[in-house]
Amino acid sequence: YRFYNTRRQQLLSGDVKPNAAHAALAQLEDMLGDNF
């Protein structure tokens, strides 16, 4: 429990945000729709 609680806290801390690679894949989905 402690191990995964710590991982979740880190993810939701505000210091961790999507980067340009994540944004590019969102753009690719926008382009391809259900084909992605």
PDB file of all heavy atoms in Angstrom:
ATOM      1  N   TYR A   1       0.833  -1.207   0.000  1.00  0.00           N
ATOM      2  CA  TYR A   1       0.000   0.000   0.000  1.00  0.00           C
ATOM      3  C   TYR A   1       0.867   1.256   0.000  1.00  0.00           C
ATOM      4  O   TYR A   1       0.622   2.201  -0.764  1.00  0.00           O
ATOM      5  CB  TYR A   1      -0.913   0.016   1.225  1.00  0.00           C
ATOM      6  CG  TYR A   1      -2.117  -0.896   1.160  1.00  0.00           C
ATOM      7  CD1 TYR A   1      -2.389  -1.789   2.191  1.00  0.00           C
ATOM      8  CD2 TYR A   1      -3.004  -0.840   0.088  1.00  0.00           C
ATOM      9  CE1 TYR A   1      -3.506  -2.616   2.153  1.00  0.00           C
ATOM     10  CE2 TYR A   1      -4.125  -1.668   0.045  1.00  0.00           C
ATOM     11  CZ  TYR A   1      -4.371  -2.551   1.078  1.00  0.00           C
ATOM     12  OH  TYR A   1      -5.480  -3.356   1.037  1.00  0.00           O
ATOM     13  N   ARG A   2       1.872   1.307   0.875  1.00  0.00           N
ATOM     14  CA  ARG A   2       2.731   2.497   0.959  1.00  0.00           C
ATOM     15  C   ARG A   2       3.447   2.747  -0.357  1.00  0.00           C
ATOM     16  O   ARG A   2       3.574   3.903  -0.803  1.00  0.00           O
ATOM     17  CB  ARG A   2       3.758   2.348   2.083  1.00  0.00           C
ATOM     18  CG  ARG A   2       3.193   2.470   3.485  1.00  0.00           C
ATOM     19  CD  ARG A   2       4.299   2.719   4.511  1.00  0.00           C
ATOM     20  NE  ARG A   2       5.336   1.697   4.475  1.00  0.00           N
ATOM     21  CZ  ARG A   2       5.298   0.569   5.179  1.00  0.00           C
ATOM     22  NH1 ARG A   2       4.266   0.309   5.973  1.00  0.00           N
ATOM     23  NH2 ARG A   2       6.291  -0.300   5.115  1.00  0.00           N
ATOM     24  N   PHE A   3       3.924   1.691  -0.977  1.00  0.00           N
ATOM     25  CA  PHE A   3       4.661   1.819  -2.233  1.00  0.00           C
ATOM     26  C   PHE A   3       3.793   2.489  -3.296  1.00  0.00           C
ATOM     27  O   PHE A   3       4.207   3.470  -3.940  1.00  0.00           O
ATOM     28  CB  PHE A   3       5.121   0.447  -2.710  1.00  0.00           C
ATOM     29  CG  PHE A   3       5.868   0.469  -4.006  1.00  0.00           C
ATOM     30  CD1 PHE A   3       7.220   0.743  -4.036  1.00  0.00           C
ATOM     31  CD2 PHE A   3       5.218   0.217  -5.215  1.00  0.00           C
ATOM     32  CE1 PHE A   3       7.917   0.770  -5.248  1.00  0.00           C
ATOM     33  CE2 PHE A   3       5.894   0.243  -6.417  1.00  0.00           C
ATOM     34  CZ  PHE A   3       7.251   0.512  -6.427  1.00  0.00           C
ATOM     35  N   TYR A   4       2.586   2.010  -3.495  1.00  0.00           N
ATOM     36  CA  TYR A   4       1.729   2.564  -4.540  1.00  0.00           C
ATOM     37  C   TYR A   4       1.107   3.896  -4.133  1.00  0.00           C
ATOM     38  O   TYR A   4       0.862   4.746  -4.998  1.00  0.00           O
ATOM     39  CB  TYR A   4       0.666   1.535  -4.961  1.00  0.00           C
ATOM     40  CG  TYR A   4       1.306   0.376  -5.701  1.00  0.00           C
ATOM     41  CD1 TYR A   4       1.571  -0.828  -5.057  1.00  0.00           C
ATOM     42  CD2 TYR A   4       1.704   0.508  -7.027  1.00  0.00           C
ATOM     43  CE1 TYR A   4       2.193  -1.875  -5.720  1.00  0.00           C
ATOM     44  CE2 TYR A   4       2.327  -0.526  -7.701  1.00  0.00           C
ATOM     45  CZ  TYR A   4       2.572  -1.715  -7.040  1.00  0.00           C
ATOM     46  OH  TYR A   4       3.205  -2.735  -7.704  1.00  0.00           O
ATOM     47  N   ASN A   5       0.866   4.092  -2.847  1.00  0.00           N
ATOM     48  CA  ASN A   5       0.407   5.410  -2.403  1.00  0.00           C
ATOM     49  C   ASN A   5       1.445   6.476  -2.720  1.00  0.00           C
ATOM     50  O   ASN A   5       1.108   7.588  -3.157  1.00  0.00           O
ATOM     51  CB  ASN A   5       0.120   5.395  -0.898  1.00  0.00           C
ATOM     52  CG  ASN A   5      -1.149   4.640  -0.540  1.00  0.00           C
ATOM     53  OD1 ASN A   5      -2.012   4.416  -1.381  1.00  0.00           O
ATOM     54  ND2 ASN A   5      -1.256   4.230   0.717  1.00  0.00           N
ATOM     55  N   THR A   6       2.713   6.160  -2.514  1.00  0.00           N
ATOM     56  CA  THR A   6       3.794   7.105  -2.805  1.00  0.00           C
ATOM     57  C   THR A   6       3.866   7.398  -4.291  1.00  0.00           C
ATOM     58  O   THR A   6       4.038   8.555  -4.704  1.00  0.00           O
ATOM     59  CB  THR A   6       5.133   6.554  -2.304  1.00  0.00           C
ATOM     60  OG1 THR A   6       5.053   6.319  -0.900  1.00  0.00           O
ATOM     61  CG2 THR A   6       6.264   7.538  -2.587  1.00  0.00           C
ATOM     62  N   ARG A   7       3.722   6.355  -5.120  1.00  0.00           N
ATOM     63  CA  ARG A   7       3.745   6.554  -6.567  1.00  0.00           C
ATOM     64  C   ARG A   7       2.571   7.437  -7.007  1.00  0.00           C
ATOM     65  O   ARG A   7       2.715   8.310  -7.854  1.00  0.00           O
ATOM     66  CB  ARG A   7       3.661   5.212  -7.305  1.00  0.00           C
ATOM     67  CG  ARG A   7       4.660   4.157  -6.896  1.00  0.00           C
ATOM     68  CD  ARG A   7       6.047   4.387  -7.469  1.00  0.00           C
ATOM     69  NE  ARG A   7       6.760   5.477  -6.837  1.00  0.00           N
ATOM     70  CZ  ARG A   7       7.274   5.418  -5.610  1.00  0.00           C
ATOM     71  NH1 ARG A   7       7.138   4.349  -4.868  1.00  0.00           N
ATOM     72  NH2 ARG A   7       7.934   6.446  -5.105  1.00  0.00           N
ATOM     73  N   ARG A   8       1.392   7.204  -6.441  1.00  0.00           N
ATOM     74  CA  ARG A   8       0.217   8.004  -6.783  1.00  0.00           C
ATOM     75  C   ARG A   8       0.400   9.454  -6.352  1.00  0.00           C
ATOM     76  O   ARG A   8       0.066  10.395  -7.090  1.00  0.00           O
ATOM     77  CB  ARG A   8      -1.034   7.398  -6.136  1.00  0.00           C
ATOM     78  CG  ARG A   8      -2.347   8.025  -6.622  1.00  0.00           C
ATOM     79  CD  ARG A   8      -3.556   7.426  -5.897  1.00  0.00           C
ATOM     80  NE  ARG A   8      -3.587   5.989  -5.963  1.00  0.00           N
ATOM     81  CZ  ARG A   8      -3.296   5.188  -4.931  1.00  0.00           C
ATOM     82  NH1 ARG A   8      -2.975   5.691  -3.739  1.00  0.00           N
ATOM     83  NH2 ARG A   8      -3.342   3.884  -5.063  1.00  0.00           N
ATOM     84  N   GLN A   9       0.930   9.657  -5.147  1.00  0.00           N
ATOM     85  CA  GLN A   9       1.170  11.018  -4.660  1.00  0.00           C
ATOM     86  C   GLN A   9       2.132  11.774  -5.574  1.00  0.00           C
ATOM     87  O   GLN A   9       1.945  12.963  -5.860  1.00  0.00           O
ATOM     88  CB  GLN A   9       1.731  10.967  -3.237  1.00  0.00           C
ATOM     89  CG  GLN A   9       0.734  10.493  -2.191  1.00  0.00           C
ATOM     90  CD  GLN A   9       1.408  10.099  -0.886  1.00  0.00           C
ATOM     91  OE1 GLN A   9       2.625  10.266  -0.729  1.00  0.00           O
ATOM     92  NE2 GLN A   9       0.642   9.568   0.045  1.00  0.00           N
ATOM     93  N   GLN A  10       3.172  11.087  -6.017  1.00  0.00           N
ATOM     94  CA  GLN A  10       4.126  11.716  -6.925  1.00  0.00           C
ATOM     95  C   GLN A  10       3.443  12.122  -8.231  1.00  0.00           C
ATOM     96  O   GLN A  10       3.627  13.234  -8.730  1.00  0.00           O
ATOM     97  CB  GLN A  10       5.291  10.770  -7.233  1.00  0.00           C
ATOM     98  CG  GLN A  10       6.328  11.385  -8.174  1.00  0.00           C
ATOM     99  CD  GLN A  10       7.239  10.357  -8.825  1.00  0.00           C
ATOM    100  OE1 GLN A  10       6.997   9.156  -8.726  1.00  0.00           O
ATOM    101  NE2 GLN A  10       8.277  10.828  -9.491  1.00  0.00           N
ATOM    102  N   LEU A  11       2.632  11.217  -8.779  1.00  0.00           N
ATOM    103  CA  LEU A  11       1.955  11.491 -10.042  1.00  0.00           C
ATOM    104  C   LEU A  11       1.039  12.700  -9.944  1.00  0.00           C
ATOM    105  O   LEU A  11       0.941  13.506 -10.876  1.00  0.00           O
ATOM    106  CB  LEU A  11       1.149  10.246 -10.461  1.00  0.00           C
ATOM    107  CG  LEU A  11       0.284  10.372 -11.703  1.00  0.00           C
ATOM    108  CD1 LEU A  11       1.129  10.647 -12.936  1.00  0.00           C
ATOM    109  CD2 LEU A  11      -0.546   9.096 -11.902  1.00  0.00           C
ATOM    110  N   LEU A  12       0.366  12.845  -8.807  1.00  0.00           N
ATOM    111  CA  LEU A  12      -0.637  13.897  -8.641  1.00  0.00           C
ATOM    112  C   LEU A  12      -0.091  15.141  -7.940  1.00  0.00           C
ATOM    113  O   LEU A  12      -0.860  16.038  -7.602  1.00  0.00           O
ATOM    114  CB  LEU A  12      -1.824  13.340  -7.844  1.00  0.00           C
ATOM    115  CG  LEU A  12      -2.531  12.129  -8.465  1.00  0.00           C
ATOM    116  CD1 LEU A  12      -3.627  11.611  -7.545  1.00  0.00           C
ATOM    117  CD2 LEU A  12      -3.103  12.469  -9.838  1.00  0.00           C
ATOM    118  N   SER A  13       1.216  15.206  -7.775  1.00  0.00           N
ATOM    119  CA  SER A  13       1.813  16.276  -6.980  1.00  0.00           C
ATOM    120  C   SER A  13       1.743  17.649  -7.631  1.00  0.00           C
ATOM    121  O   SER A  13       1.900  18.667  -6.972  1.00  0.00           O
ATOM    122  CB  SER A  13       3.280  15.942  -6.700  1.00  0.00           C
ATOM    123  OG  SER A  13       4.029  15.964  -7.917  1.00  0.00           O
ATOM    124  N   GLY A  14       1.553  17.707  -8.928  1.00  0.00           N
ATOM    125  CA  GLY A  14       1.614  18.986  -9.639  1.00  0.00           C
ATOM    126  C   GLY A  14       2.964  19.217 -10.271  1.00  0.00           C
ATOM    127  O   GLY A  14       3.099  20.067 -11.168  1.00  0.00           O
ATOM    128  N   ASP A  15       3.965  18.480  -9.826  1.00  0.00           N
ATOM    129  CA  ASP A  15       5.297  18.597 -10.425  1.00  0.00           C
ATOM    130  C   ASP A  15       5.414  17.748 -11.687  1.00  0.00           C
ATOM    131  O   ASP A  15       6.319  17.953 -12.493  1.00  0.00           O
ATOM    132  CB  ASP A  15       6.368  18.153  -9.420  1.00  0.00           C
ATOM    133  CG  ASP A  15       6.419  19.051  -8.197  1.00  0.00           C
ATOM    134  OD1 ASP A  15       6.157  20.261  -8.350  1.00  0.00           O
ATOM    135  OD2 ASP A  15       6.705  18.545  -7.096  1.00  0.00           O
ATOM    136  N   VAL A  16       4.526  16.775 -11.835  1.00  0.00           N
ATOM    137  CA  VAL A  16       4.566  15.855 -12.969  1.00  0.00           C
ATOM    138  C   VAL A  16       3.476  16.243 -13.960  1.00  0.00           C
ATOM    139  O   VAL A  16       2.292  16.265 -13.611  1.00  0.00           O
ATOM    140  CB  VAL A  16       4.370  14.397 -12.488  1.00  0.00           C
ATOM    141  CG1 VAL A  16       4.291  13.456 -13.681  1.00  0.00           C
ATOM    142  CG2 VAL A  16       5.500  13.991 -11.553  1.00  0.00           C
ATOM    143  N   LYS A  17       3.878  16.563 -15.180  1.00  0.00           N
ATOM    144  CA  LYS A  17       2.925  17.003 -16.196  1.00  0.00           C
ATOM    145  C   LYS A  17       3.241  16.330 -17.534  1.00  0.00           C
ATOM    146  O   LYS A  17       4.385  15.924 -17.770  1.00  0.00           O
ATOM    147  CB  LYS A  17       3.005  18.524 -16.359  1.00  0.00           C
ATOM    148  CG  LYS A  17       2.638  19.307 -15.103  1.00  0.00           C
ATOM    149  CD  LYS A  17       2.801  20.802 -15.315  1.00  0.00           C
ATOM    150  CE  LYS A  17       2.462  21.563 -14.034  1.00  0.00           C
ATOM    151  NZ  LYS A  17       2.664  23.027 -14.203  1.00  0.00           N
ATOM    152  N   PRO A  18       2.244  16.212 -18.414  1.00  0.00           N
ATOM    153  CA  PRO A  18       2.510  15.667 -19.750  1.00  0.00           C
ATOM    154  C   PRO A  18       3.578  16.487 -20.465  1.00  0.00           C
ATOM    155  O   PRO A  18       3.660  17.705 -20.292  1.00  0.00           O
ATOM    156  CB  PRO A  18       1.153  15.773 -20.456  1.00  0.00           C
ATOM    157  CG  PRO A  18       0.145  15.876 -19.359  1.00  0.00           C
ATOM    158  CD  PRO A  18       0.831  16.584 -18.226  1.00  0.00           C
ATOM    159  N   ASN A  19       4.382  15.809 -21.262  1.00  0.00           N
ATOM    160  CA  ASN A  19       5.413  16.506 -22.017  1.00  0.00           C
ATOM    161  C   ASN A  19       5.048  16.562 -23.505  1.00  0.00           C
ATOM    162  O   ASN A  19       3.952  16.157 -23.906  1.00  0.00           O
ATOM    163  CB  ASN A  19       6.783  15.845 -21.784  1.00  0.00           C
ATOM    164  CG  ASN A  19       6.821  14.389 -22.240  1.00  0.00           C
ATOM    165  OD1 ASN A  19       6.409  14.067 -23.361  1.00  0.00           O
ATOM    166  ND2 ASN A  19       7.316  13.503 -21.376  1.00  0.00           N
ATOM    167  N   ALA A  20       5.974  17.058 -24.307  1.00  0.00           N
ATOM    168  CA  ALA A  20       5.686  17.257 -25.732  1.00  0.00           C
ATOM    169  C   ALA A  20       5.405  15.951 -26.454  1.00  0.00           C
ATOM    170  O   ALA A  20       4.648  15.929 -27.439  1.00  0.00           O
ATOM    171  CB  ALA A  20       6.860  17.978 -26.392  1.00  0.00           C
ATOM    172  N   ALA A  21       5.981  14.853 -25.991  1.00  0.00           N
ATOM    173  CA  ALA A  21       5.715  13.556 -26.625  1.00  0.00           C
ATOM    174  C   ALA A  21       4.274  13.118 -26.368  1.00  0.00           C
ATOM    175  O   ALA A  21       3.595  12.610 -27.269  1.00  0.00           O
ATOM    176  CB  ALA A  21       6.689  12.512 -26.102  1.00  0.00           C
ATOM    177  N   HIS A  22       3.797  13.303 -25.135  1.00  0.00           N
ATOM    178  CA  HIS A  22       2.396  13.014 -24.849  1.00  0.00           C
ATOM    179  C   HIS A  22       1.481  13.879 -25.715  1.00  0.00           C
ATOM    180  O   HIS A  22       0.488  13.391 -26.275  1.00  0.00           O
ATOM    181  CB  HIS A  22       2.075  13.278 -23.372  1.00  0.00           C
ATOM    182  CG  HIS A  22       2.793  12.389 -22.406  1.00  0.00           C
ATOM    183  ND1 HIS A  22       3.855  12.833 -21.657  1.00  0.00           N
ATOM    184  CD2 HIS A  22       2.604  11.095 -22.062  1.00  0.00           C
ATOM    185  CE1 HIS A  22       4.285  11.849 -20.887  1.00  0.00           C
ATOM    186  NE2 HIS A  22       3.544  10.778 -21.113  1.00  0.00           N
ATOM    187  N   ALA A  23       1.806  15.153 -25.814  1.00  0.00           N
ATOM    188  CA  ALA A  23       0.978  16.078 -26.595  1.00  0.00           C
ATOM    189  C   ALA A  23       0.944  15.673 -28.068  1.00  0.00           C
ATOM    190  O   ALA A  23      -0.101  15.779 -28.737  1.00  0.00           O
ATOM    191  CB  ALA A  23       1.502  17.506 -26.443  1.00  0.00           C
ATOM    192  N   ALA A  24       2.074  15.195 -28.584  1.00  0.00           N
ATOM    193  CA  ALA A  24       2.128  14.795 -29.993  1.00  0.00           C
ATOM    194  C   ALA A  24       1.227  13.593 -30.253  1.00  0.00           C
ATOM    195  O   ALA A  24       0.554  13.525 -31.294  1.00  0.00           O
ATOM    196  CB  ALA A  24       3.570  14.471 -30.382  1.00  0.00           C
ATOM    197  N   LEU A  25       1.171  12.654 -29.313  1.00  0.00           N
ATOM    198  CA  LEU A  25       0.295  11.497 -29.506  1.00  0.00           C
ATOM    199  C   LEU A  25      -1.172  11.883 -29.415  1.00  0.00           C
ATOM    200  O   LEU A  25      -2.021  11.291 -30.095  1.00  0.00           O
ATOM    201  CB  LEU A  25       0.635  10.401 -28.493  1.00  0.00           C
ATOM    202  CG  LEU A  25       1.994   9.735 -28.682  1.00  0.00           C
ATOM    203  CD1 LEU A  25       2.198   8.650 -27.638  1.00  0.00           C
ATOM    204  CD2 LEU A  25       2.127   9.149 -30.091  1.00  0.00           C
ATOM    205  N   ALA A  26      -1.494  12.870 -28.592  1.00  0.00           N
ATOM    206  CA  ALA A  26      -2.867  13.387 -28.568  1.00  0.00           C
ATOM    207  C   ALA A  26      -3.210  14.034 -29.907  1.00  0.00           C
ATOM    208  O   ALA A  26      -4.327  13.877 -30.428  1.00  0.00           O
ATOM    209  CB  ALA A  26      -3.028  14.381 -27.429  1.00  0.00           C
ATOM    210  N   GLN A  27      -2.242  14.724 -30.489  1.00  0.00           N
ATOM    211  CA  GLN A  27      -2.433  15.324 -31.811  1.00  0.00           C
ATOM    212  C   GLN A  27      -2.649  14.243 -32.864  1.00  0.00           C
ATOM    213  O   GLN A  27      -3.504  14.388 -33.755  1.00  0.00           O
ATOM    214  CB  GLN A  27      -1.213  16.174 -32.168  1.00  0.00           C
ATOM    215  CG  GLN A  27      -1.256  16.793 -33.557  1.00  0.00           C
ATOM    216  CD  GLN A  27       0.069  17.475 -33.921  1.00  0.00           C
ATOM    217  OE1 GLN A  27       0.913  17.732 -33.069  1.00  0.00           O
ATOM    218  NE2 GLN A  27       0.250  17.736 -35.199  1.00  0.00           N
ATOM    219  N   LEU A  28      -1.895  13.151 -32.756  1.00  0.00           N
ATOM    220  CA  LEU A  28      -2.034  12.052 -33.717  1.00  0.00           C
ATOM    221  C   LEU A  28      -3.417  11.424 -33.615  1.00  0.00           C
ATOM    222  O   LEU A  28      -4.033  11.100 -34.637  1.00  0.00           O
ATOM    223  CB  LEU A  28      -0.948  11.012 -33.468  1.00  0.00           C
ATOM    224  CG  LEU A  28      -0.879   9.837 -34.451  1.00  0.00           C
ATOM    225  CD1 LEU A  28      -0.699  10.326 -35.879  1.00  0.00           C
ATOM    226  CD2 LEU A  28       0.250   8.881 -34.057  1.00  0.00           C
ATOM    227  N   GLU A  29      -3.925  11.264 -32.398  1.00  0.00           N
ATOM    228  CA  GLU A  29      -5.277  10.734 -32.241  1.00  0.00           C
ATOM    229  C   GLU A  29      -6.319  11.686 -32.824  1.00  0.00           C
ATOM    230  O   GLU A  29      -7.287  11.248 -33.457  1.00  0.00           O
ATOM    231  CB  GLU A  29      -5.595  10.464 -30.773  1.00  0.00           C
ATOM    232  CG  GLU A  29      -6.990   9.880 -30.574  1.00  0.00           C
ATOM    233  CD  GLU A  29      -7.293   9.503 -29.135  1.00  0.00           C
ATOM    234  OE1 GLU A  29      -6.355   9.229 -28.360  1.00  0.00           O
ATOM    235  OE2 GLU A  29      -8.494   9.484 -28.784  1.00  0.00           O
ATOM    236  N   ASP A  30      -6.129  12.968 -32.620  1.00  0.00           N
ATOM    237  CA  ASP A  30      -7.043  13.954 -33.206  1.00  0.00           C
ATOM    238  C   ASP A  30      -7.086  13.815 -34.732  1.00  0.00           C
ATOM    239  O   ASP A  30      -8.140  13.978 -35.357  1.00  0.00           O
ATOM    240  CB  ASP A  30      -6.615  15.375 -32.841  1.00  0.00           C
ATOM    241  CG  ASP A  30      -6.910  15.726 -31.393  1.00  0.00           C
ATOM    242  OD1 ASP A  30      -7.741  15.037 -30.763  1.00  0.00           O
ATOM    243  OD2 ASP A  30      -6.299  16.690 -30.885  1.00  0.00           O
ATOM    244  N   MET A  31      -5.934  13.498 -35.322  1.00  0.00           N
ATOM    245  CA  MET A  31      -5.832  13.385 -36.766  1.00  0.00           C
ATOM    246  C   MET A  31      -6.467  12.090 -37.287  1.00  0.00           C
ATOM    247  O   MET A  31      -7.159  12.095 -38.302  1.00  0.00           O
ATOM    248  CB  MET A  31      -4.351  13.428 -37.165  1.00  0.00           C
ATOM    249  CG  MET A  31      -4.112  13.383 -38.653  1.00  0.00           C
ATOM    250  SD  MET A  31      -2.365  13.296 -39.154  1.00  0.00           S
ATOM    251  CE  MET A  31      -1.486  13.400 -37.617  1.00  0.00           C
ATOM    252  N   LEU A  32      -6.275  10.985 -36.560  1.00  0.00           N
ATOM    253  CA  LEU A  32      -6.694   9.671 -37.058  1.00  0.00           C
ATOM    254  C   LEU A  32      -8.032   9.201 -36.509  1.00  0.00           C
ATOM    255  O   LEU A  32      -8.636   8.281 -37.063  1.00  0.00           O
ATOM    256  CB  LEU A  32      -5.621   8.631 -36.714  1.00  0.00           C
ATOM    257  CG  LEU A  32      -4.231   8.857 -37.315  1.00  0.00           C
ATOM    258  CD1 LEU A  32      -3.265   7.803 -36.807  1.00  0.00           C
ATOM    259  CD2 LEU A  32      -4.296   8.836 -38.838  1.00  0.00           C
ATOM    260  N   GLY A  33      -8.474   9.783 -35.413  1.00  0.00           N
ATOM    261  CA  GLY A  33      -9.745   9.384 -34.827  1.00  0.00           C
ATOM    262  C   GLY A  33      -9.744   7.936 -34.375  1.00  0.00           C
ATOM    263  O   GLY A  33      -8.797   7.472 -33.726  1.00  0.00           O
ATOM    264  N   ASP A  34     -10.773   7.194 -34.755  1.00  0.00           N
ATOM    265  CA  ASP A  34     -10.906   5.803 -34.313  1.00  0.00           C
ATOM    266  C   ASP A  34      -9.892   4.865 -34.958  1.00  0.00           C
ATOM    267  O   ASP A  34      -9.801   3.697 -34.574  1.00  0.00           O
ATOM    268  CB  ASP A  34     -12.321   5.292 -34.605  1.00  0.00           C
ATOM    269  CG  ASP A  34     -13.372   5.943 -33.718  1.00  0.00           C
ATOM    270  OD1 ASP A  34     -12.998   6.458 -32.641  1.00  0.00           O
ATOM    271  OD2 ASP A  34     -14.553   5.943 -34.099  1.00  0.00           O
ATOM    272  N   ASN A  35      -9.139   5.355 -35.934  1.00  0.00           N
ATOM    273  CA  ASN A  35      -8.068   4.550 -36.529  1.00  0.00           C
ATOM    274  C   ASN A  35      -6.804   4.544 -35.675  1.00  0.00           C
ATOM    275  O   ASN A  35      -5.809   3.923 -36.056  1.00  0.00           O
ATOM    276  CB  ASN A  35      -7.714   5.059 -37.929  1.00  0.00           C
ATOM    277  CG  ASN A  35      -8.749   4.649 -38.962  1.00  0.00           C
ATOM    278  OD1 ASN A  35      -9.510   3.699 -38.758  1.00  0.00           O
ATOM    279  ND2 ASN A  35      -8.792   5.360 -40.078  1.00  0.00           N
ATOM    280  N   PHE A  36      -6.858   5.228 -34.552  1.00  0.00           N
ATOM    281  CA  PHE A  36      -5.712   5.312 -33.637  1.00  0.00           C
ATOM    282  C   PHE A  36      -6.031   4.574 -32.342  1.00  0.00           C
ATOM    283  O   PHE A  36      -7.121   4.705 -31.783  1.00  0.00           O
ATOM    284  CB  PHE A  36      -5.415   6.774 -33.324  1.00  0.00           C
ATOM    285  CG  PHE A  36      -4.346   6.987 -32.278  1.00  0.00           C
ATOM    286  CD1 PHE A  36      -3.016   7.117 -32.633  1.00  0.00           C
ATOM    287  CD2 PHE A  36      -4.681   7.059 -30.926  1.00  0.00           C
ATOM    288  CE1 PHE A  36      -2.037   7.315 -31.673  1.00  0.00           C
ATOM    289  CE2 PHE A  36      -3.719   7.252 -29.958  1.00  0.00           C
ATOM    290  CZ  PHE A  36      -2.379   7.380 -30.334  1.00  0.00           C
TER     291      PHE A  36
END
